[in-house]
Amino acid sequence: MNSITINISEAKTNLSKYANLVKKGKTVILVNRNIPFAQIIPLAKTPDALAQKRKSMMGALKGEVVIVGDVNAPLTKVELGDWYNGKLNL
């Protein structure tokens, strides 16, 4: 596996050391009291690859989501009641 696990205090003390490892392709997993909470991963090698990834994420649901009706129209009293679980006094 191409990752290392370090405690947060170690990361604070030697951040530049671990930043250089990330630049070389390693993944750094941060733990606090032996519980992992974050990972630092290298970015894509080229800006074009990163831009392509973002573009594919933006269009991931194209053709999958259908909006029916006017989403800007005000809610009816019944819809408002449903929205507030019947706790709205109108």
PDB file of N, CA and C in Angstrom:
ATOM      1  N   MET A   1       0.845  -1.177   0.000  1.00  0.00           N
ATOM      2  CA  MET A   1       0.000   0.000   0.000  1.00  0.00           C
ATOM      3  C   MET A   1       0.887   1.236   0.000  1.00  0.00           C
ATOM      4  N   ASN A   2       0.451   2.257  -0.695  1.00  0.00           N
ATOM      5  CA  ASN A   2       1.265   3.446  -0.874  1.00  0.00           C
ATOM      6  C   ASN A   2       0.823   4.559   0.074  1.00  0.00           C
ATOM      7  N   SER A   3       0.612   4.230   1.356  1.00  0.00           N
ATOM      8  CA  SER A   3       0.189   5.239   2.318  1.00  0.00           C
ATOM      9  C   SER A   3       0.919   5.049   3.639  1.00  0.00           C
ATOM     10  N   ILE A   4       0.943   6.134   4.421  1.00  0.00           N
ATOM     11  CA  ILE A   4       1.506   6.080   5.755  1.00  0.00           C
ATOM     12  C   ILE A   4       0.486   6.699   6.707  1.00  0.00           C
ATOM     13  N   THR A   5       0.495   6.245   7.934  1.00  0.00           N
ATOM     14  CA  THR A   5      -0.413   6.744   8.960  1.00  0.00           C
ATOM     15  C   THR A   5       0.398   7.456  10.026  1.00  0.00           C
ATOM     16  N   ILE A   6      -0.018   8.689  10.340  1.00  0.00           N
ATOM     17  CA  ILE A   6       0.692   9.463  11.356  1.00  0.00           C
ATOM     18  C   ILE A   6      -0.298  10.138  12.293  1.00  0.00           C
ATOM     19  N   ASN A   7       0.163  10.391  13.509  1.00  0.00           N
ATOM     20  CA  ASN A   7      -0.634  11.104  14.499  1.00  0.00           C
ATOM     21  C   ASN A   7      -0.640  12.589  14.148  1.00  0.00           C
ATOM     22  N   ILE A   8      -1.685  13.286  14.524  1.00  0.00           N
ATOM     23  CA  ILE A   8      -1.810  14.703  14.192  1.00  0.00           C
ATOM     24  C   ILE A   8      -0.660  15.532  14.763  1.00  0.00           C
ATOM     25  N   SER A   9      -0.179  15.193  15.948  1.00  0.00           N
ATOM     26  CA  SER A   9       0.942  15.952  16.523  1.00  0.00           C
ATOM     27  C   SER A   9       2.204  15.768  15.691  1.00  0.00           C
ATOM     28  N   GLU A  10       2.416  14.565  15.168  1.00  0.00           N
ATOM     29  CA  GLU A  10       3.557  14.303  14.279  1.00  0.00           C
ATOM     30  C   GLU A  10       3.421  15.114  12.995  1.00  0.00           C
ATOM     31  N   ALA A  11       2.206  15.205  12.481  1.00  0.00           N
ATOM     32  CA  ALA A  11       1.963  15.976  11.256  1.00  0.00           C
ATOM     33  C   ALA A  11       2.261  17.459  11.480  1.00  0.00           C
ATOM     34  N   LYS A  12       1.853  17.984  12.628  1.00  0.00           N
ATOM     35  CA  LYS A  12       2.117  19.397  12.939  1.00  0.00           C
ATOM     36  C   LYS A  12       3.617  19.670  13.022  1.00  0.00           C
ATOM     37  N   THR A  13       4.329  18.751  13.633  1.00  0.00           N
ATOM     38  CA  THR A  13       5.768  18.944  13.837  1.00  0.00           C
ATOM     39  C   THR A  13       6.551  18.845  12.534  1.00  0.00           C
ATOM     40  N   ASN A  14       6.148  17.936  11.646  1.00  0.00           N
ATOM     41  CA  ASN A  14       6.922  17.652  10.428  1.00  0.00           C
ATOM     42  C   ASN A  14       6.092  17.793   9.165  1.00  0.00           C
ATOM     43  N   LEU A  15       5.274  18.846   9.086  1.00  0.00           N
ATOM     44  CA  LEU A  15       4.378  19.008   7.944  1.00  0.00           C
ATOM     45  C   LEU A  15       5.114  19.025   6.608  1.00  0.00           C
ATOM     46  N   SER A  16       6.211  19.748   6.511  1.00  0.00           N
ATOM     47  CA  SER A  16       6.918  19.838   5.227  1.00  0.00           C
ATOM     48  C   SER A  16       7.441  18.470   4.787  1.00  0.00           C
ATOM     49  N   LYS A  17       7.882  17.659   5.735  1.00  0.00           N
ATOM     50  CA  LYS A  17       8.366  16.308   5.418  1.00  0.00           C
ATOM     51  C   LYS A  17       7.244  15.481   4.776  1.00  0.00           C
ATOM     52  N   TYR A  18       6.047  15.527   5.372  1.00  0.00           N
ATOM     53  CA  TYR A  18       4.938  14.734   4.851  1.00  0.00           C
ATOM     54  C   TYR A  18       4.357  15.333   3.572  1.00  0.00           C
ATOM     55  N   ALA A  19       4.447  16.650   3.438  1.00  0.00           N
ATOM     56  CA  ALA A  19       4.022  17.291   2.194  1.00  0.00           C
ATOM     57  C   ALA A  19       4.888  16.813   1.030  1.00  0.00           C
ATOM     58  N   ASN A  20       6.171  16.668   1.272  1.00  0.00           N
ATOM     59  CA  ASN A  20       7.070  16.166   0.225  1.00  0.00           C
ATOM     60  C   ASN A  20       6.747  14.722  -0.142  1.00  0.00           C
ATOM     61  N   LEU A  21       6.363  13.908   0.843  1.00  0.00           N
ATOM     62  CA  LEU A  21       5.977  12.528   0.544  1.00  0.00           C
ATOM     63  C   LEU A  21       4.709  12.490  -0.313  1.00  0.00           C
ATOM     64  N   VAL A  22       3.776  13.399  -0.022  1.00  0.00           N
ATOM     65  CA  VAL A  22       2.551  13.470  -0.822  1.00  0.00           C
ATOM     66  C   VAL A  22       2.890  13.880  -2.246  1.00  0.00           C
ATOM     67  N   LYS A  23       3.808  14.830  -2.402  1.00  0.00           N
ATOM     68  CA  LYS A  23       4.243  15.250  -3.740  1.00  0.00           C
ATOM     69  C   LYS A  23       4.813  14.074  -4.526  1.00  0.00           C
ATOM     70  N   LYS A  24       5.431  13.129  -3.824  1.00  0.00           N
ATOM     71  CA  LYS A  24       6.028  11.964  -4.483  1.00  0.00           C
ATOM     72  C   LYS A  24       5.012  10.845  -4.731  1.00  0.00           C
ATOM     73  N   GLY A  25       3.747  11.072  -4.338  1.00  0.00           N
ATOM     74  CA  GLY A  25       2.720  10.086  -4.643  1.00  0.00           C
ATOM     75  C   GLY A  25       2.170   9.309  -3.459  1.00  0.00           C
ATOM     76  N   LYS A  26       2.701   9.528  -2.285  1.00  0.00           N
ATOM     77  CA  LYS A  26       2.207   8.816  -1.097  1.00  0.00           C
ATOM     78  C   LYS A  26       0.909   9.451  -0.598  1.00  0.00           C
ATOM     79  N   THR A  27       0.109   8.655   0.093  1.00  0.00           N
ATOM     80  CA  THR A  27      -1.071   9.141   0.786  1.00  0.00           C
ATOM     81  C   THR A  27      -0.762   9.144   2.272  1.00  0.00           C
ATOM     82  N   VAL A  28      -1.090  10.262   2.933  1.00  0.00           N
ATOM     83  CA  VAL A  28      -0.857  10.385   4.370  1.00  0.00           C
ATOM     84  C   VAL A  28      -2.212  10.337   5.074  1.00  0.00           C
ATOM     85  N   ILE A  29      -2.358   9.405   5.997  1.00  0.00           N
ATOM     86  CA  ILE A  29      -3.588   9.274   6.775  1.00  0.00           C
ATOM     87  C   ILE A  29      -3.327   9.849   8.156  1.00  0.00           C
ATOM     88  N   LEU A  30      -4.155  10.819   8.541  1.00  0.00           N
ATOM     89  CA  LEU A  30      -4.012  11.461   9.844  1.00  0.00           C
ATOM     90  C   LEU A  30      -4.914  10.778  10.868  1.00  0.00           C
ATOM     91  N   VAL A  31      -4.356  10.526  12.053  1.00  0.00           N
ATOM     92  CA  VAL A  31      -5.133   9.912  13.127  1.00  0.00           C
ATOM     93  C   VAL A  31      -5.043  10.777  14.372  1.00  0.00           C
ATOM     94  N   ASN A  32      -6.091  10.714  15.171  1.00  0.00           N
ATOM     95  CA  ASN A  32      -6.108  11.371  16.467  1.00  0.00           C
ATOM     96  C   ASN A  32      -6.509  10.321  17.478  1.00  0.00           C
ATOM     97  N   ARG A  33      -5.580   9.979  18.382  1.00  0.00           N
ATOM     98  CA  ARG A  33      -5.791   8.896  19.348  1.00  0.00           C
ATOM     99  C   ARG A  33      -6.127   7.585  18.633  1.00  0.00           C
ATOM    100  N   ASN A  34      -5.361   7.322  17.596  1.00  0.00           N
ATOM    101  CA  ASN A  34      -5.465   6.100  16.782  1.00  0.00           C
ATOM    102  C   ASN A  34      -6.776   5.968  16.011  1.00  0.00           C
ATOM    103  N   ILE A  35      -7.524   7.062  15.861  1.00  0.00           N
ATOM    104  CA  ILE A  35      -8.750   7.049  15.065  1.00  0.00           C
ATOM    105  C   ILE A  35      -8.511   7.896  13.818  1.00  0.00           C
ATOM    106  N   PRO A  36      -8.533   7.277  12.623  1.00  0.00           N
ATOM    107  CA  PRO A  36      -8.314   8.041  11.393  1.00  0.00           C
ATOM    108  C   PRO A  36      -9.431   9.062  11.179  1.00  0.00           C
ATOM    109  N   PHE A  37      -9.050  10.275  10.749  1.00  0.00           N
ATOM    110  CA  PHE A  37     -10.062  11.294  10.498  1.00  0.00           C
ATOM    111  C   PHE A  37      -9.851  12.048   9.189  1.00  0.00           C
ATOM    112  N   ALA A  38      -8.706  11.886   8.561  1.00  0.00           N
ATOM    113  CA  ALA A  38      -8.461  12.591   7.296  1.00  0.00           C
ATOM    114  C   ALA A  38      -7.342  11.903   6.534  1.00  0.00           C
ATOM    115  N   GLN A  39      -7.329  12.170   5.232  1.00  0.00           N
ATOM    116  CA  GLN A  39      -6.199  11.703   4.435  1.00  0.00           C
ATOM    117  C   GLN A  39      -5.772  12.809   3.492  1.00  0.00           C
ATOM    118  N   ILE A  40      -4.488  12.879   3.267  1.00  0.00           N
ATOM    119  CA  ILE A  40      -3.919  13.849   2.340  1.00  0.00           C
ATOM    120  C   ILE A  40      -3.444  13.050   1.130  1.00  0.00           C
ATOM    121  N   ILE A  41      -4.014  13.377  -0.021  1.00  0.00           N
ATOM    122  CA  ILE A  41      -3.689  12.628  -1.237  1.00  0.00           C
ATOM    123  C   ILE A  41      -3.101  13.568  -2.283  1.00  0.00           C
ATOM    124  N   PRO A  42      -2.272  13.039  -3.176  1.00  0.00           N
ATOM    125  CA  PRO A  42      -1.717  13.877  -4.238  1.00  0.00           C
ATOM    126  C   PRO A  42      -2.802  14.278  -5.234  1.00  0.00           C
ATOM    127  N   LEU A  43      -2.684  15.469  -5.782  1.00  0.00           N
ATOM    128  CA  LEU A  43      -3.593  15.912  -6.829  1.00  0.00           C
ATOM    129  C   LEU A  43      -3.216  15.256  -8.148  1.00  0.00           C
ATOM    130  N   ALA A  44      -4.088  15.393  -9.130  1.00  0.00           N
ATOM    131  CA  ALA A  44      -3.800  14.864 -10.460  1.00  0.00           C
ATOM    132  C   ALA A  44      -2.514  15.500 -10.986  1.00  0.00           C
ATOM    133  N   LYS A  45      -1.810  14.762 -11.805  1.00  0.00           N
ATOM    134  CA  LYS A  45      -0.510  15.222 -12.300  1.00  0.00           C
ATOM    135  C   LYS A  45      -0.617  16.480 -13.160  1.00  0.00           C
ATOM    136  N   THR A  46      -1.695  16.595 -13.966  1.00  0.00           N
ATOM    137  CA  THR A  46      -1.819  17.745 -14.852  1.00  0.00           C
ATOM    138  C   THR A  46      -3.100  18.505 -14.548  1.00  0.00           C
ATOM    139  N   PRO A  47      -3.093  19.802 -14.765  1.00  0.00           N
ATOM    140  CA  PRO A  47      -4.322  20.579 -14.572  1.00  0.00           C
ATOM    141  C   PRO A  47      -5.449  20.105 -15.482  1.00  0.00           C
ATOM    142  N   ASP A  48      -5.115  19.606 -16.685  1.00  0.00           N
ATOM    143  CA  ASP A  48      -6.136  19.117 -17.609  1.00  0.00           C
ATOM    144  C   ASP A  48      -6.867  17.903 -17.044  1.00  0.00           C
ATOM    145  N   ALA A  49      -6.137  17.008 -16.398  1.00  0.00           N
ATOM    146  CA  ALA A  49      -6.761  15.824 -15.808  1.00  0.00           C
ATOM    147  C   ALA A  49      -7.703  16.221 -14.686  1.00  0.00           C
ATOM    148  N   LEU A  50      -7.313  17.206 -13.890  1.00  0.00           N
ATOM    149  CA  LEU A  50      -8.164  17.686 -12.802  1.00  0.00           C
ATOM    150  C   LEU A  50      -9.411  18.367 -13.364  1.00  0.00           C
ATOM    151  N   ALA A  51      -9.239  19.167 -14.398  1.00  0.00           N
ATOM    152  CA  ALA A  51     -10.381  19.839 -15.023  1.00  0.00           C
ATOM    153  C   ALA A  51     -11.345  18.821 -15.618  1.00  0.00           C
ATOM    154  N   GLN A  52     -10.826  17.772 -16.236  1.00  0.00           N
ATOM    155  CA  GLN A  52     -11.671  16.729 -16.823  1.00  0.00           C
ATOM    156  C   GLN A  52     -12.453  15.998 -15.733  1.00  0.00           C
ATOM    157  N   LYS A  53     -11.814  15.744 -14.616  1.00  0.00           N
ATOM    158  CA  LYS A  53     -12.496  15.068 -13.509  1.00  0.00           C
ATOM    159  C   LYS A  53     -13.637  15.930 -12.987  1.00  0.00           C
ATOM    160  N   ARG A  54     -13.396  17.226 -12.819  1.00  0.00           N
ATOM    161  CA  ARG A  54     -14.441  18.129 -12.352  1.00  0.00           C
ATOM    162  C   ARG A  54     -15.593  18.190 -13.357  1.00  0.00           C
ATOM    163  N   LYS A  55     -15.272  18.213 -14.636  1.00  0.00           N
ATOM    164  CA  LYS A  55     -16.299  18.278 -15.675  1.00  0.00           C
ATOM    165  C   LYS A  55     -17.177  17.031 -15.638  1.00  0.00           C
ATOM    166  N   SER A  56     -16.569  15.866 -15.454  1.00  0.00           N
ATOM    167  CA  SER A  56     -17.356  14.642 -15.418  1.00  0.00           C
ATOM    168  C   SER A  56     -18.227  14.574 -14.173  1.00  0.00           C
ATOM    169  N   MET A  57     -17.766  15.160 -13.078  1.00  0.00           N
ATOM    170  CA  MET A  57     -18.565  15.182 -11.860  1.00  0.00           C
ATOM    171  C   MET A  57     -19.785  16.081 -12.036  1.00  0.00           C
ATOM    172  N   MET A  58     -19.623  17.203 -12.720  1.00  0.00           N
ATOM    173  CA  MET A  58     -20.713  18.153 -12.892  1.00  0.00           C
ATOM    174  C   MET A  58     -21.845  17.552 -13.725  1.00  0.00           C
ATOM    175  N   GLY A  59     -21.535  16.707 -14.670  1.00  0.00           N
ATOM    176  CA  GLY A  59     -22.562  16.141 -15.534  1.00  0.00           C
ATOM    177  C   GLY A  59     -22.935  14.717 -15.186  1.00  0.00           C
ATOM    178  N   ALA A  60     -22.596  14.280 -14.001  1.00  0.00           N
ATOM    179  CA  ALA A  60     -22.785  12.881 -13.631  1.00  0.00           C
ATOM    180  C   ALA A  60     -24.240  12.446 -13.644  1.00  0.00           C
ATOM    181  N   LEU A  61     -25.171  13.322 -13.335  1.00  0.00           N
ATOM    182  CA  LEU A  61     -26.591  12.950 -13.278  1.00  0.00           C
ATOM    183  C   LEU A  61     -27.387  13.449 -14.480  1.00  0.00           C
ATOM    184  N   LYS A  62     -26.695  13.877 -15.521  1.00  0.00           N
ATOM    185  CA  LYS A  62     -27.388  14.378 -16.714  1.00  0.00           C
ATOM    186  C   LYS A  62     -28.291  13.288 -17.280  1.00  0.00           C
ATOM    187  N   GLY A  63     -29.550  13.617 -17.466  1.00  0.00           N
ATOM    188  CA  GLY A  63     -30.524  12.669 -18.004  1.00  0.00           C
ATOM    189  C   GLY A  63     -31.156  11.782 -16.945  1.00  0.00           C
ATOM    190  N   GLU A  64     -30.676  11.855 -15.712  1.00  0.00           N
ATOM    191  CA  GLU A  64     -31.202  11.017 -14.632  1.00  0.00           C
ATOM    192  C   GLU A  64     -32.231  11.750 -13.779  1.00  0.00           C
ATOM    193  N   VAL A  65     -32.130  13.073 -13.722  1.00  0.00           N
ATOM    194  CA  VAL A  65     -33.013  13.865 -12.874  1.00  0.00           C
ATOM    195  C   VAL A  65     -34.043  14.559 -13.750  1.00  0.00           C
ATOM    196  N   VAL A  66     -35.316  14.431 -13.373  1.00  0.00           N
ATOM    197  CA  VAL A  66     -36.397  15.072 -14.107  1.00  0.00           C
ATOM    198  C   VAL A  66     -37.139  15.998 -13.146  1.00  0.00           C
ATOM    199  N   ILE A  67     -37.246  17.272 -13.510  1.00  0.00           N
ATOM    200  CA  ILE A  67     -37.976  18.237 -12.696  1.00  0.00           C
ATOM    201  C   ILE A  67     -39.355  18.396 -13.296  1.00  0.00           C
ATOM    202  N   VAL A  68     -40.373  18.145 -12.465  1.00  0.00           N
ATOM    203  CA  VAL A  68     -41.756  18.229 -12.927  1.00  0.00           C
ATOM    204  C   VAL A  68     -42.408  19.426 -12.270  1.00  0.00           C
ATOM    205  N   GLY A  69     -43.064  20.247 -13.056  1.00  0.00           N
ATOM    206  CA  GLY A  69     -43.775  21.401 -12.509  1.00  0.00           C
ATOM    207  C   GLY A  69     -42.878  22.601 -12.363  1.00  0.00           C
ATOM    208  N   ASP A  70     -43.436  23.626 -11.733  1.00  0.00           N
ATOM    209  CA  ASP A  70     -42.725  24.891 -11.532  1.00  0.00           C
ATOM    210  C   ASP A  70     -42.060  24.877 -10.164  1.00  0.00           C
ATOM    211  N   VAL A  71     -40.747  24.732 -10.130  1.00  0.00           N
ATOM    212  CA  VAL A  71     -40.039  24.647  -8.858  1.00  0.00           C
ATOM    213  C   VAL A  71     -40.012  25.981  -8.125  1.00  0.00           C
ATOM    214  N   ASN A  72     -40.362  27.069  -8.817  1.00  0.00           N
ATOM    215  CA  ASN A  72     -40.362  28.392  -8.195  1.00  0.00           C
ATOM    216  C   ASN A  72     -41.735  28.796  -7.667  1.00  0.00           C
ATOM    217  N   ALA A  73     -42.752  27.994  -7.942  1.00  0.00           N
ATOM    218  CA  ALA A  73     -44.106  28.325  -7.487  1.00  0.00           C
ATOM    219  C   ALA A  73     -44.200  28.155  -5.969  1.00  0.00           C
ATOM    220  N   PRO A  74     -45.005  29.000  -5.307  1.00  0.00           N
ATOM    221  CA  PRO A  74     -45.167  28.842  -3.855  1.00  0.00           C
ATOM    222  C   PRO A  74     -45.835  27.511  -3.515  1.00  0.00           C
ATOM    223  N   LEU A  75     -45.539  26.980  -2.338  1.00  0.00           N
ATOM    224  CA  LEU A  75     -46.151  25.731  -1.895  1.00  0.00           C
ATOM    225  C   LEU A  75     -47.600  25.974  -1.488  1.00  0.00           C
ATOM    226  N   THR A  76     -48.428  24.958  -1.704  1.00  0.00           N
ATOM    227  CA  THR A  76     -49.812  25.041  -1.245  1.00  0.00           C
ATOM    228  C   THR A  76     -49.840  24.817   0.263  1.00  0.00           C
ATOM    229  N   LYS A  77     -51.003  25.069   0.889  1.00  0.00           N
ATOM    230  CA  LYS A  77     -51.127  24.851   2.332  1.00  0.00           C
ATOM    231  C   LYS A  77     -50.909  23.384   2.684  1.00  0.00           C
ATOM    232  N   VAL A  78     -51.370  22.475   1.841  1.00  0.00           N
ATOM    233  CA  VAL A  78     -51.176  21.039   2.081  1.00  0.00           C
ATOM    234  C   VAL A  78     -49.686  20.696   2.015  1.00  0.00           C
ATOM    235  N   GLU A  79     -48.998  21.225   1.004  1.00  0.00           N
ATOM    236  CA  GLU A  79     -47.561  20.964   0.865  1.00  0.00           C
ATOM    237  C   GLU A  79     -46.777  21.556   2.040  1.00  0.00           C
ATOM    238  N   LEU A  80     -47.170  22.763   2.481  1.00  0.00           N
ATOM    239  CA  LEU A  80     -46.505  23.359   3.638  1.00  0.00           C
ATOM    240  C   LEU A  80     -46.721  22.512   4.885  1.00  0.00           C
ATOM    241  N   GLY A  81     -47.941  22.009   5.054  1.00  0.00           N
ATOM    242  CA  GLY A  81     -48.230  21.138   6.186  1.00  0.00           C
ATOM    243  C   GLY A  81     -47.385  19.882   6.147  1.00  0.00           C
ATOM    244  N   ASP A  82     -47.239  19.293   4.949  1.00  0.00           N
ATOM    245  CA  ASP A  82     -46.391  18.101   4.805  1.00  0.00           C
ATOM    246  C   ASP A  82     -44.930  18.433   5.106  1.00  0.00           C
ATOM    247  N   TRP A  83     -44.489  19.603   4.667  1.00  0.00           N
ATOM    248  CA  TRP A  83     -43.111  20.007   4.866  1.00  0.00           C
ATOM    249  C   TRP A  83     -42.774  20.136   6.345  1.00  0.00           C
ATOM    250  N   TYR A  84     -43.717  20.649   7.116  1.00  0.00           N
ATOM    251  CA  TYR A  84     -43.496  20.845   8.557  1.00  0.00           C
ATOM    252  C   TYR A  84     -44.121  19.740   9.397  1.00  0.00           C
ATOM    253  N   ASN A  85     -44.359  18.575   8.782  1.00  0.00           N
ATOM    254  CA  ASN A  85     -44.901  17.402   9.479  1.00  0.00           C
ATOM    255  C   ASN A  85     -46.196  17.687  10.233  1.00  0.00           C
ATOM    256  N   GLY A  86     -47.046  18.525   9.637  1.00  0.00           N
ATOM    257  CA  GLY A  86     -48.349  18.819  10.229  1.00  0.00           C
ATOM    258  C   GLY A  86     -48.281  19.747  11.412  1.00  0.00           C
ATOM    259  N   LYS A  87     -47.133  20.329  11.703  1.00  0.00           N
ATOM    260  CA  LYS A  87     -46.974  21.192  12.878  1.00  0.00           C
ATOM    261  C   LYS A  87     -47.127  22.666  12.534  1.00  0.00           C
ATOM    262  N   LEU A  88     -47.566  22.948  11.311  1.00  0.00           N
ATOM    263  CA  LEU A  88     -47.737  24.334  10.872  1.00  0.00           C
ATOM    264  C   LEU A  88     -49.217  24.692  11.006  1.00  0.00           C
ATOM    265  N   ASN A  89     -49.490  25.722  11.738  1.00  0.00           N
ATOM    266  CA  ASN A  89     -50.885  26.157  11.914  1.00  0.00           C
ATOM    267  C   ASN A  89     -51.205  27.234  10.895  1.00  0.00           C
ATOM    268  N   LEU A  90     -52.064  26.905   9.949  1.00  0.00           N
ATOM    269  CA  LEU A  90     -52.428  27.876   8.916  1.00  0.00           C
ATOM    270  C   LEU A  90     -53.861  28.304   9.057  1.00  0.00           C
TER     271      LEU A  90
END
